[in-house]
Amino acid sequence: MKDDIETLGKEPVSIGEGIYWVGYSDPYRGLHCNPYLIIGGDEAVLIDGGNRDDFSTVMLKILRTGLKPSQITRLIYQHYDPDLCGSLPQLESIINNDMLRIISHEENNVFINYYSDKTEKLDFRELGCHFDFADGRRLEFYLIPYCHQPGSFVTYDAKTKTLFSSDLFGSFDFQWTLKLKLDDACRECRDLNECPLKLEKCPIKGIIEFHQRIMTSARALQNALDTVEKLDIVQIASQHGSIISSKEDVKAVIRHLRSVKNIGIDYVLSEESV
């Protein structure tokens, strides 16, 4: 699939009922960051809002959904890296709503305070591991520790069965597309070094290499996969890389990730030994 780069650069993209991708497309960046806006009734939640330099792009797309910034009542940060949290001071300023709260994990909030200590920060576990919009829409939170921070977690929209997975299922890819769509041969492939379709670029390799470098250990990754596999997932909206937009592709990517042994420190040490 080829994305319309010009459109992706200017417009929000609807990826589900009330869900918008408000990120950016840059052919010169291998690491694409994907903030997501969820609108429920008269309020909205922004997930992993982005870095400081991309704030204007993200906010322009939010405005083009017809939403007023003051309608954003929650900022969800699934870990504390600057590509997620760097724009926090600008968001606080333009949202300008005393009811605004940040939802994350206690481990993350310690570091998020260094971006700004203005807005009250909540630990999702103290909220019963969920957030309910006034119209009844529910977001559920699941801890995936050390994927890749101690307080990393994922967010599940029960209405659309969309998993917002943060770095989990992410990818580093210069040939980026907004949505990942696998061929049957890719789903069934057992050797990524021998492409049955003779593709110039393997759509799975970037995902695997990203996890090898970013996740801390095979045990942490397997635990995270165990957690998400219990959910009924229609699509995965990761914070990096492409949206995995079908149940079949979700299952295939999980299978490929489960087969990887050298993750994190084991990957680094194996590289050094070579």
C-alpha atoms as a PDB file:
ATOM      1  CA  MET A   1       0.000   0.000   0.000  1.00  0.00           C
ATOM      2  CA  LYS A   2       1.253   3.476  -0.897  1.00  0.00           C
ATOM      3  CA  ASP A   3       0.074   6.266   1.349  1.00  0.00           C
ATOM      4  CA  ASP A   4      -0.772   9.707  -0.006  1.00  0.00           C
ATOM      5  CA  ILE A   5       2.172  11.455   1.661  1.00  0.00           C
ATOM      6  CA  GLU A   6       0.754  14.924   1.046  1.00  0.00           C
ATOM      7  CA  THR A   7      -2.541  14.004   2.694  1.00  0.00           C
ATOM      8  CA  LEU A   8      -0.801  12.311   5.615  1.00  0.00           C
ATOM      9  CA  GLY A   9       1.238  15.463   6.097  1.00  0.00           C
ATOM     10  CA  LYS A  10      -1.788  17.746   6.471  1.00  0.00           C
ATOM     11  CA  GLU A  11      -4.865  15.838   7.551  1.00  0.00           C
ATOM     12  CA  PRO A  12      -5.920  13.625  10.482  1.00  0.00           C
ATOM     13  CA  VAL A  13      -6.707  10.081   9.401  1.00  0.00           C
ATOM     14  CA  SER A  14      -9.718   8.239  10.810  1.00  0.00           C
ATOM     15  CA  ILE A  15      -8.703   4.687  11.753  1.00  0.00           C
ATOM     16  CA  GLY A  16     -11.830   3.716  13.687  1.00  0.00           C
ATOM     17  CA  GLU A  17     -14.999   5.161  15.173  1.00  0.00           C
ATOM     18  CA  GLY A  18     -13.884   8.336  16.935  1.00  0.00           C
ATOM     19  CA  ILE A  19     -10.168   7.510  16.534  1.00  0.00           C
ATOM     20  CA  TYR A  20      -7.742   9.652  14.548  1.00  0.00           C
ATOM     21  CA  TRP A  21      -4.090   9.268  13.680  1.00  0.00           C
ATOM     22  CA  VAL A  22      -2.628  12.768  14.157  1.00  0.00           C
ATOM     23  CA  GLY A  23       1.029  11.993  13.478  1.00  0.00           C
ATOM     24  CA  TYR A  24       3.352  12.995  10.673  1.00  0.00           C
ATOM     25  CA  SER A  25       4.916  11.383   7.641  1.00  0.00           C
ATOM     26  CA  ASP A  26       8.568  12.116   6.873  1.00  0.00           C
ATOM     27  CA  PRO A  27      10.419  10.048   4.233  1.00  0.00           C
ATOM     28  CA  TYR A  28      13.743  11.003   5.825  1.00  0.00           C
ATOM     29  CA  ARG A  29      12.882   9.630   9.262  1.00  0.00           C
ATOM     30  CA  GLY A  30      13.079   5.926   9.905  1.00  0.00           C
ATOM     31  CA  LEU A  31      11.352   6.346  13.270  1.00  0.00           C
ATOM     32  CA  HIS A  32       7.789   7.541  12.744  1.00  0.00           C
ATOM     33  CA  CYS A  33       5.854   8.647  15.816  1.00  0.00           C
ATOM     34  CA  ASN A  34       2.100   8.127  15.951  1.00  0.00           C
ATOM     35  CA  PRO A  35      -0.025  10.179  18.365  1.00  0.00           C
ATOM     36  CA  TYR A  36      -3.690   9.142  18.465  1.00  0.00           C
ATOM     37  CA  LEU A  37      -6.791  11.144  19.348  1.00  0.00           C
ATOM     38  CA  ILE A  38      -9.907   9.392  20.695  1.00  0.00           C
ATOM     39  CA  ILE A  39     -13.162  11.333  20.788  1.00  0.00           C
ATOM     40  CA  GLY A  40     -16.080  10.166  22.914  1.00  0.00           C
ATOM     41  CA  GLY A  41     -19.089  12.485  23.088  1.00  0.00           C
ATOM     42  CA  ASP A  42     -17.926  15.991  23.953  1.00  0.00           C
ATOM     43  CA  GLU A  43     -14.529  14.985  25.323  1.00  0.00           C
ATOM     44  CA  ALA A  44     -11.312  13.565  23.963  1.00  0.00           C
ATOM     45  CA  VAL A  45      -8.158  11.743  25.002  1.00  0.00           C
ATOM     46  CA  LEU A  46      -4.756  12.150  23.349  1.00  0.00           C
ATOM     47  CA  ILE A  47      -2.431   9.138  23.494  1.00  0.00           C
ATOM     48  CA  ASP A  48       1.373   9.642  23.364  1.00  0.00           C
ATOM     49  CA  GLY A  49       1.057  13.238  22.161  1.00  0.00           C
ATOM     50  CA  GLY A  50       4.456  13.596  20.530  1.00  0.00           C
ATOM     51  CA  ASN A  51       7.671  15.606  20.739  1.00  0.00           C
ATOM     52  CA  ARG A  52       8.159  19.343  20.987  1.00  0.00           C
ATOM     53  CA  ASP A  53       9.124  20.002  17.365  1.00  0.00           C
ATOM     54  CA  ASP A  54       6.069  18.199  15.960  1.00  0.00           C
ATOM     55  CA  PHE A  55       3.561  19.891  18.233  1.00  0.00           C
ATOM     56  CA  SER A  56       2.288  22.290  15.563  1.00  0.00           C
ATOM     57  CA  THR A  57       1.631  19.419  13.116  1.00  0.00           C
ATOM     58  CA  VAL A  58      -0.163  17.318  15.722  1.00  0.00           C
ATOM     59  CA  MET A  59      -2.288  20.214  16.990  1.00  0.00           C
ATOM     60  CA  LEU A  60      -3.243  21.342  13.473  1.00  0.00           C
ATOM     61  CA  LYS A  61      -4.563  17.853  12.768  1.00  0.00           C
ATOM     62  CA  ILE A  62      -6.460  17.804  16.056  1.00  0.00           C
ATOM     63  CA  LEU A  63      -8.110  21.114  15.133  1.00  0.00           C
ATOM     64  CA  ARG A  64      -9.038  19.743  11.703  1.00  0.00           C
ATOM     65  CA  THR A  65     -11.139  17.044  13.351  1.00  0.00           C
ATOM     66  CA  GLY A  66     -13.374  19.880  14.553  1.00  0.00           C
ATOM     67  CA  LEU A  67     -12.342  19.388  18.172  1.00  0.00           C
ATOM     68  CA  LYS A  68     -11.600  22.300  20.489  1.00  0.00           C
ATOM     69  CA  PRO A  69      -8.348  21.781  22.433  1.00  0.00           C
ATOM     70  CA  SER A  70     -10.191  22.442  25.705  1.00  0.00           C
ATOM     71  CA  GLN A  71     -12.248  19.282  25.054  1.00  0.00           C
ATOM     72  CA  ILE A  72      -9.151  17.153  25.670  1.00  0.00           C
ATOM     73  CA  THR A  73      -9.558  16.020  29.273  1.00  0.00           C
ATOM     74  CA  ARG A  74      -6.868  13.331  29.465  1.00  0.00           C
ATOM     75  CA  LEU A  75      -3.334  12.921  28.156  1.00  0.00           C
ATOM     76  CA  ILE A  76      -2.207   9.291  28.228  1.00  0.00           C
ATOM     77  CA  TYR A  77       1.538   8.628  28.210  1.00  0.00           C
ATOM     78  CA  GLN A  78       2.360   4.931  27.950  1.00  0.00           C
ATOM     79  CA  HIS A  79       5.980   5.533  28.921  1.00  0.00           C
ATOM     80  CA  TYR A  80       8.136   8.615  29.426  1.00  0.00           C
ATOM     81  CA  ASP A  81      10.366   9.011  26.348  1.00  0.00           C
ATOM     82  CA  PRO A  82      10.640  12.507  24.788  1.00  0.00           C
ATOM     83  CA  ASP A  83       9.107  11.380  21.478  1.00  0.00           C
ATOM     84  CA  LEU A  84       5.873  10.871  23.453  1.00  0.00           C
ATOM     85  CA  CYS A  85       6.072  13.532  26.148  1.00  0.00           C
ATOM     86  CA  GLY A  86       8.183  16.362  24.704  1.00  0.00           C
ATOM     87  CA  SER A  87       5.193  18.510  23.719  1.00  0.00           C
ATOM     88  CA  LEU A  88       3.506  18.319  27.130  1.00  0.00           C
ATOM     89  CA  PRO A  89       4.081  22.006  28.073  1.00  0.00           C
ATOM     90  CA  GLN A  90       2.625  23.202  24.734  1.00  0.00           C
ATOM     91  CA  LEU A  91      -0.363  20.875  25.092  1.00  0.00           C
ATOM     92  CA  GLU A  92      -1.079  22.108  28.603  1.00  0.00           C
ATOM     93  CA  SER A  93      -0.935  25.704  27.408  1.00  0.00           C
ATOM     94  CA  ILE A  94      -3.316  25.355  24.460  1.00  0.00           C
ATOM     95  CA  ILE A  95      -5.734  22.945  26.181  1.00  0.00           C
ATOM     96  CA  ASN A  96      -5.953  25.340  29.144  1.00  0.00           C
ATOM     97  CA  ASN A  97      -8.460  23.212  31.029  1.00  0.00           C
ATOM     98  CA  ASP A  98      -8.369  22.842  34.812  1.00  0.00           C
ATOM     99  CA  MET A  99      -9.973  19.417  34.408  1.00  0.00           C
ATOM    100  CA  LEU A 100      -7.023  18.085  32.399  1.00  0.00           C
ATOM    101  CA  ARG A 101      -5.274  15.082  33.934  1.00  0.00           C
ATOM    102  CA  ILE A 102      -2.367  12.890  32.840  1.00  0.00           C
ATOM    103  CA  ILE A 103      -2.802   9.121  33.014  1.00  0.00           C
ATOM    104  CA  SER A 104       0.318   6.992  33.164  1.00  0.00           C
ATOM    105  CA  HIS A 105       2.111   4.744  35.672  1.00  0.00           C
ATOM    106  CA  GLU A 106       3.847   5.792  38.875  1.00  0.00           C
ATOM    107  CA  GLU A 107       7.238   4.782  37.426  1.00  0.00           C
ATOM    108  CA  ASN A 108       6.620   7.020  34.413  1.00  0.00           C
ATOM    109  CA  ASN A 109       5.174   9.966  36.316  1.00  0.00           C
ATOM    110  CA  VAL A 110       8.461  10.502  38.150  1.00  0.00           C
ATOM    111  CA  PHE A 111      10.082  11.357  34.813  1.00  0.00           C
ATOM    112  CA  ILE A 112       7.066  13.015  33.169  1.00  0.00           C
ATOM    113  CA  ASN A 113       7.256  15.617  35.943  1.00  0.00           C
ATOM    114  CA  TYR A 114      10.548  16.765  34.390  1.00  0.00           C
ATOM    115  CA  TYR A 115       8.652  17.809  31.247  1.00  0.00           C
ATOM    116  CA  SER A 116       6.088  19.651  33.372  1.00  0.00           C
ATOM    117  CA  ASP A 117       4.772  19.315  36.920  1.00  0.00           C
ATOM    118  CA  LYS A 118       1.750  21.547  36.233  1.00  0.00           C
ATOM    119  CA  THR A 119      -0.930  18.927  35.527  1.00  0.00           C
ATOM    120  CA  GLU A 120      -1.982  16.317  38.082  1.00  0.00           C
ATOM    121  CA  LYS A 121      -0.660  12.876  37.176  1.00  0.00           C
ATOM    122  CA  LEU A 122      -2.629   9.720  37.870  1.00  0.00           C
ATOM    123  CA  ASP A 123      -1.496   6.105  38.081  1.00  0.00           C
ATOM    124  CA  PHE A 124      -3.860   4.018  35.938  1.00  0.00           C
ATOM    125  CA  ARG A 125      -3.877   1.259  38.579  1.00  0.00           C
ATOM    126  CA  GLU A 126      -5.522   3.673  41.041  1.00  0.00           C
ATOM    127  CA  LEU A 127      -8.276   4.205  38.461  1.00  0.00           C
ATOM    128  CA  GLY A 128      -9.114   0.512  38.381  1.00  0.00           C
ATOM    129  CA  CYS A 129      -7.031   0.116  35.205  1.00  0.00           C
ATOM    130  CA  HIS A 130      -9.596   1.897  33.050  1.00  0.00           C
ATOM    131  CA  PHE A 131     -10.922   5.294  32.023  1.00  0.00           C
ATOM    132  CA  ASP A 132     -14.558   5.880  31.115  1.00  0.00           C
ATOM    133  CA  PHE A 133     -15.732   8.713  28.906  1.00  0.00           C
ATOM    134  CA  ALA A 134     -18.948  10.423  29.963  1.00  0.00           C
ATOM    135  CA  ASP A 135     -20.738   8.699  27.056  1.00  0.00           C
ATOM    136  CA  GLY A 136     -19.719   5.260  28.365  1.00  0.00           C
ATOM    137  CA  ARG A 137     -16.790   4.558  26.058  1.00  0.00           C
ATOM    138  CA  ARG A 138     -14.122   2.673  28.015  1.00  0.00           C
ATOM    139  CA  LEU A 139     -10.342   2.543  27.708  1.00  0.00           C
ATOM    140  CA  GLU A 140      -8.606  -0.321  29.521  1.00  0.00           C
ATOM    141  CA  PHE A 141      -4.972  -0.290  30.619  1.00  0.00           C
ATOM    142  CA  TYR A 142      -2.630  -3.295  30.793  1.00  0.00           C
ATOM    143  CA  LEU A 143       0.877  -3.265  32.229  1.00  0.00           C
ATOM    144  CA  ILE A 144       3.695  -4.611  30.023  1.00  0.00           C
ATOM    145  CA  PRO A 145       6.726  -3.986  32.281  1.00  0.00           C
ATOM    146  CA  TYR A 146      10.157  -3.472  30.691  1.00  0.00           C
ATOM    147  CA  CYS A 147       8.708  -3.187  27.182  1.00  0.00           C
ATOM    148  CA  HIS A 148      10.656  -1.057  27.241  1.00  0.00           C
ATOM    149  CA  GLN A 149      10.363   0.924  30.515  1.00  0.00           C
ATOM    150  CA  PRO A 150       9.428  -0.453  33.971  1.00  0.00           C
ATOM    151  CA  GLY A 151       6.065   1.326  33.810  1.00  0.00           C
ATOM    152  CA  SER A 152       5.223   0.657  30.156  1.00  0.00           C
ATOM    153  CA  PHE A 153       1.589  -0.195  29.452  1.00  0.00           C
ATOM    154  CA  VAL A 154      -0.864  -0.493  26.574  1.00  0.00           C
ATOM    155  CA  THR A 155      -4.341   0.990  26.126  1.00  0.00           C
ATOM    156  CA  TYR A 156      -7.320  -0.972  24.750  1.00  0.00           C
ATOM    157  CA  ASP A 157     -10.390   0.738  23.326  1.00  0.00           C
ATOM    158  CA  ALA A 158     -13.240  -1.669  24.062  1.00  0.00           C
ATOM    159  CA  LYS A 159     -15.574   0.063  21.575  1.00  0.00           C
ATOM    160  CA  THR A 160     -13.454  -0.570  18.468  1.00  0.00           C
ATOM    161  CA  LYS A 161     -11.197  -3.337  19.828  1.00  0.00           C
ATOM    162  CA  THR A 162      -8.169  -1.223  18.996  1.00  0.00           C
ATOM    163  CA  LEU A 163      -4.959  -1.749  20.973  1.00  0.00           C
ATOM    164  CA  PHE A 164      -2.749   1.315  21.375  1.00  0.00           C
ATOM    165  CA  SER A 165       0.487  -0.533  21.955  1.00  0.00           C
ATOM    166  CA  SER A 166       3.130   2.166  22.468  1.00  0.00           C
ATOM    167  CA  ASP A 167       6.556   0.727  21.452  1.00  0.00           C
ATOM    168  CA  LEU A 168       5.243  -2.835  21.375  1.00  0.00           C
ATOM    169  CA  PHE A 169       4.652  -3.858  17.723  1.00  0.00           C
ATOM    170  CA  GLY A 170       6.635  -0.821  16.598  1.00  0.00           C
ATOM    171  CA  SER A 171       9.148  -0.661  13.768  1.00  0.00           C
ATOM    172  CA  PHE A 172      12.029   1.400  12.396  1.00  0.00           C
ATOM    173  CA  ASP A 173      11.423   1.741   8.665  1.00  0.00           C
ATOM    174  CA  PHE A 174      12.452   4.227   5.958  1.00  0.00           C
ATOM    175  CA  GLN A 175       9.816   2.747   3.612  1.00  0.00           C
ATOM    176  CA  TRP A 176       6.993   3.544   6.011  1.00  0.00           C
ATOM    177  CA  THR A 177       3.284   3.193   5.307  1.00  0.00           C
ATOM    178  CA  LEU A 178       0.506   4.158   7.682  1.00  0.00           C
ATOM    179  CA  LYS A 179      -1.073   0.689   7.568  1.00  0.00           C
ATOM    180  CA  LEU A 180       0.669  -2.655   7.395  1.00  0.00           C
ATOM    181  CA  LYS A 181      -1.010  -5.208   5.135  1.00  0.00           C
ATOM    182  CA  LEU A 182       0.579  -8.636   4.852  1.00  0.00           C
ATOM    183  CA  ASP A 183       0.277 -11.073   1.983  1.00  0.00           C
ATOM    184  CA  ASP A 184      -0.702 -14.658   2.841  1.00  0.00           C
ATOM    185  CA  ALA A 185       2.867 -15.728   2.074  1.00  0.00           C
ATOM    186  CA  CYS A 186       4.203 -13.197   4.593  1.00  0.00           C
ATOM    187  CA  ARG A 187       1.830 -14.476   7.258  1.00  0.00           C
ATOM    188  CA  GLU A 188       2.977 -18.051   6.753  1.00  0.00           C
ATOM    189  CA  CYS A 189       6.678 -17.319   6.195  1.00  0.00           C
ATOM    190  CA  ARG A 190       9.052 -19.310   8.406  1.00  0.00           C
ATOM    191  CA  ASP A 191      12.396 -17.914   7.182  1.00  0.00           C
ATOM    192  CA  LEU A 192      12.671 -14.130   6.894  1.00  0.00           C
ATOM    193  CA  ASN A 193      15.945 -14.501   5.004  1.00  0.00           C
ATOM    194  CA  GLU A 194      14.207 -16.381   2.182  1.00  0.00           C
ATOM    195  CA  CYS A 195      11.301 -14.292   0.952  1.00  0.00           C
ATOM    196  CA  PRO A 196       8.831 -16.474  -0.978  1.00  0.00           C
ATOM    197  CA  LEU A 197       7.612 -13.395  -2.851  1.00  0.00           C
ATOM    198  CA  LYS A 198      11.123 -12.083  -3.586  1.00  0.00           C
ATOM    199  CA  LEU A 199      10.163  -8.723  -2.111  1.00  0.00           C
ATOM    200  CA  GLU A 200      12.798  -6.013  -2.016  1.00  0.00           C
ATOM    201  CA  LYS A 201      11.766  -5.163   1.542  1.00  0.00           C
ATOM    202  CA  CYS A 202      10.516  -7.644   4.127  1.00  0.00           C
ATOM    203  CA  PRO A 203       7.562  -6.077   6.008  1.00  0.00           C
ATOM    204  CA  ILE A 204       8.360  -8.089   9.163  1.00  0.00           C
ATOM    205  CA  LYS A 205      12.121  -7.577   9.524  1.00  0.00           C
ATOM    206  CA  GLY A 206      11.832  -3.949  10.619  1.00  0.00           C
ATOM    207  CA  ILE A 207       9.440  -4.956  13.392  1.00  0.00           C
ATOM    208  CA  ILE A 208      11.706  -7.723  14.644  1.00  0.00           C
ATOM    209  CA  GLU A 209      14.895  -5.637  14.558  1.00  0.00           C
ATOM    210  CA  PHE A 210      13.130  -2.807  16.406  1.00  0.00           C
ATOM    211  CA  HIS A 211      12.095  -5.185  19.190  1.00  0.00           C
ATOM    212  CA  GLN A 212      15.564  -6.692  19.402  1.00  0.00           C
ATOM    213  CA  ARG A 213      17.051  -3.266  20.028  1.00  0.00           C
ATOM    214  CA  ILE A 214      14.314  -1.566  22.058  1.00  0.00           C
ATOM    215  CA  MET A 215      12.842  -4.272  24.308  1.00  0.00           C
ATOM    216  CA  THR A 216      14.843  -5.243  27.358  1.00  0.00           C
ATOM    217  CA  SER A 217      14.654  -9.036  27.229  1.00  0.00           C
ATOM    218  CA  ALA A 218      12.912 -12.007  25.631  1.00  0.00           C
ATOM    219  CA  ARG A 219      11.140 -12.680  28.923  1.00  0.00           C
ATOM    220  CA  ALA A 220       9.699  -9.147  29.044  1.00  0.00           C
ATOM    221  CA  LEU A 221       8.545  -9.384  25.421  1.00  0.00           C
ATOM    222  CA  GLN A 222       6.936 -12.804  25.884  1.00  0.00           C
ATOM    223  CA  ASN A 223       5.105 -11.558  28.971  1.00  0.00           C
ATOM    224  CA  ALA A 224       3.769  -8.594  26.984  1.00  0.00           C
ATOM    225  CA  LEU A 225       2.633 -10.845  24.142  1.00  0.00           C
ATOM    226  CA  ASP A 226       0.907 -13.133  26.659  1.00  0.00           C
ATOM    227  CA  THR A 227      -0.959 -10.081  27.992  1.00  0.00           C
ATOM    228  CA  VAL A 228      -2.177  -8.724  24.666  1.00  0.00           C
ATOM    229  CA  GLU A 229      -3.065 -12.137  23.213  1.00  0.00           C
ATOM    230  CA  LYS A 230      -5.837 -12.427  25.796  1.00  0.00           C
ATOM    231  CA  LEU A 231      -7.583  -9.414  24.241  1.00  0.00           C
ATOM    232  CA  ASP A 232      -9.953  -9.445  21.277  1.00  0.00           C
ATOM    233  CA  ILE A 233      -7.942  -7.197  18.964  1.00  0.00           C
ATOM    234  CA  VAL A 234      -9.129  -5.955  15.582  1.00  0.00           C
ATOM    235  CA  GLN A 235      -6.200  -3.603  14.979  1.00  0.00           C
ATOM    236  CA  ILE A 236      -2.994  -2.494  16.681  1.00  0.00           C
ATOM    237  CA  ALA A 237      -2.092   1.182  16.644  1.00  0.00           C
ATOM    238  CA  SER A 238       1.551   1.332  17.701  1.00  0.00           C
ATOM    239  CA  GLN A 239       3.425   4.484  18.630  1.00  0.00           C
ATOM    240  CA  HIS A 240       6.111   3.746  16.027  1.00  0.00           C
ATOM    241  CA  GLY A 241       5.871   2.037  12.675  1.00  0.00           C
ATOM    242  CA  SER A 242       2.619   1.075  10.954  1.00  0.00           C
ATOM    243  CA  ILE A 243      -0.888   0.279  12.123  1.00  0.00           C
ATOM    244  CA  ILE A 244      -1.568  -3.477  11.991  1.00  0.00           C
ATOM    245  CA  SER A 245      -5.083  -3.393  10.621  1.00  0.00           C
ATOM    246  CA  SER A 246      -6.460  -6.941  10.598  1.00  0.00           C
ATOM    247  CA  LYS A 247      -6.837  -9.822  13.032  1.00  0.00           C
ATOM    248  CA  GLU A 248      -4.919 -12.119  10.693  1.00  0.00           C
ATOM    249  CA  ASP A 249      -1.953  -9.750  10.539  1.00  0.00           C
ATOM    250  CA  VAL A 250      -2.002  -9.261  14.320  1.00  0.00           C
ATOM    251  CA  LYS A 251      -1.736 -13.024  14.817  1.00  0.00           C
ATOM    252  CA  ALA A 252       1.054 -13.304  12.236  1.00  0.00           C
ATOM    253  CA  VAL A 253       3.158 -10.540  13.779  1.00  0.00           C
ATOM    254  CA  ILE A 254       2.758 -12.040  17.263  1.00  0.00           C
ATOM    255  CA  ARG A 255       3.889 -15.417  15.914  1.00  0.00           C
ATOM    256  CA  HIS A 256       6.951 -13.858  14.287  1.00  0.00           C
ATOM    257  CA  LEU A 257       7.857 -11.986  17.481  1.00  0.00           C
ATOM    258  CA  ARG A 258       7.504 -15.117  19.609  1.00  0.00           C
ATOM    259  CA  SER A 259      10.121 -16.830  17.456  1.00  0.00           C
ATOM    260  CA  VAL A 260      12.823 -14.236  18.222  1.00  0.00           C
ATOM    261  CA  LYS A 261      15.279 -15.239  20.945  1.00  0.00           C
ATOM    262  CA  ASN A 262      17.941 -12.517  21.025  1.00  0.00           C
ATOM    263  CA  ILE A 263      16.196  -9.525  22.588  1.00  0.00           C
ATOM    264  CA  GLY A 264      17.696  -6.538  24.400  1.00  0.00           C
ATOM    265  CA  ILE A 265      20.898  -7.325  26.263  1.00  0.00           C
ATOM    266  CA  ASP A 266      21.144 -10.764  24.617  1.00  0.00           C
ATOM    267  CA  TYR A 267      20.947  -9.119  21.202  1.00  0.00           C
ATOM    268  CA  VAL A 268      23.637  -6.577  22.088  1.00  0.00           C
ATOM    269  CA  LEU A 269      25.991  -9.198  23.501  1.00  0.00           C
ATOM    270  CA  SER A 270      25.497 -11.467  20.486  1.00  0.00           C
ATOM    271  CA  GLU A 271      26.340  -8.557  18.163  1.00  0.00           C
ATOM    272  CA  GLU A 272      29.461  -7.760  20.166  1.00  0.00           C
ATOM    273  CA  SER A 273      30.585 -11.366  20.136  1.00  0.00           C
ATOM    274  CA  VAL A 274      30.301 -11.420  16.328  1.00  0.00           C
END
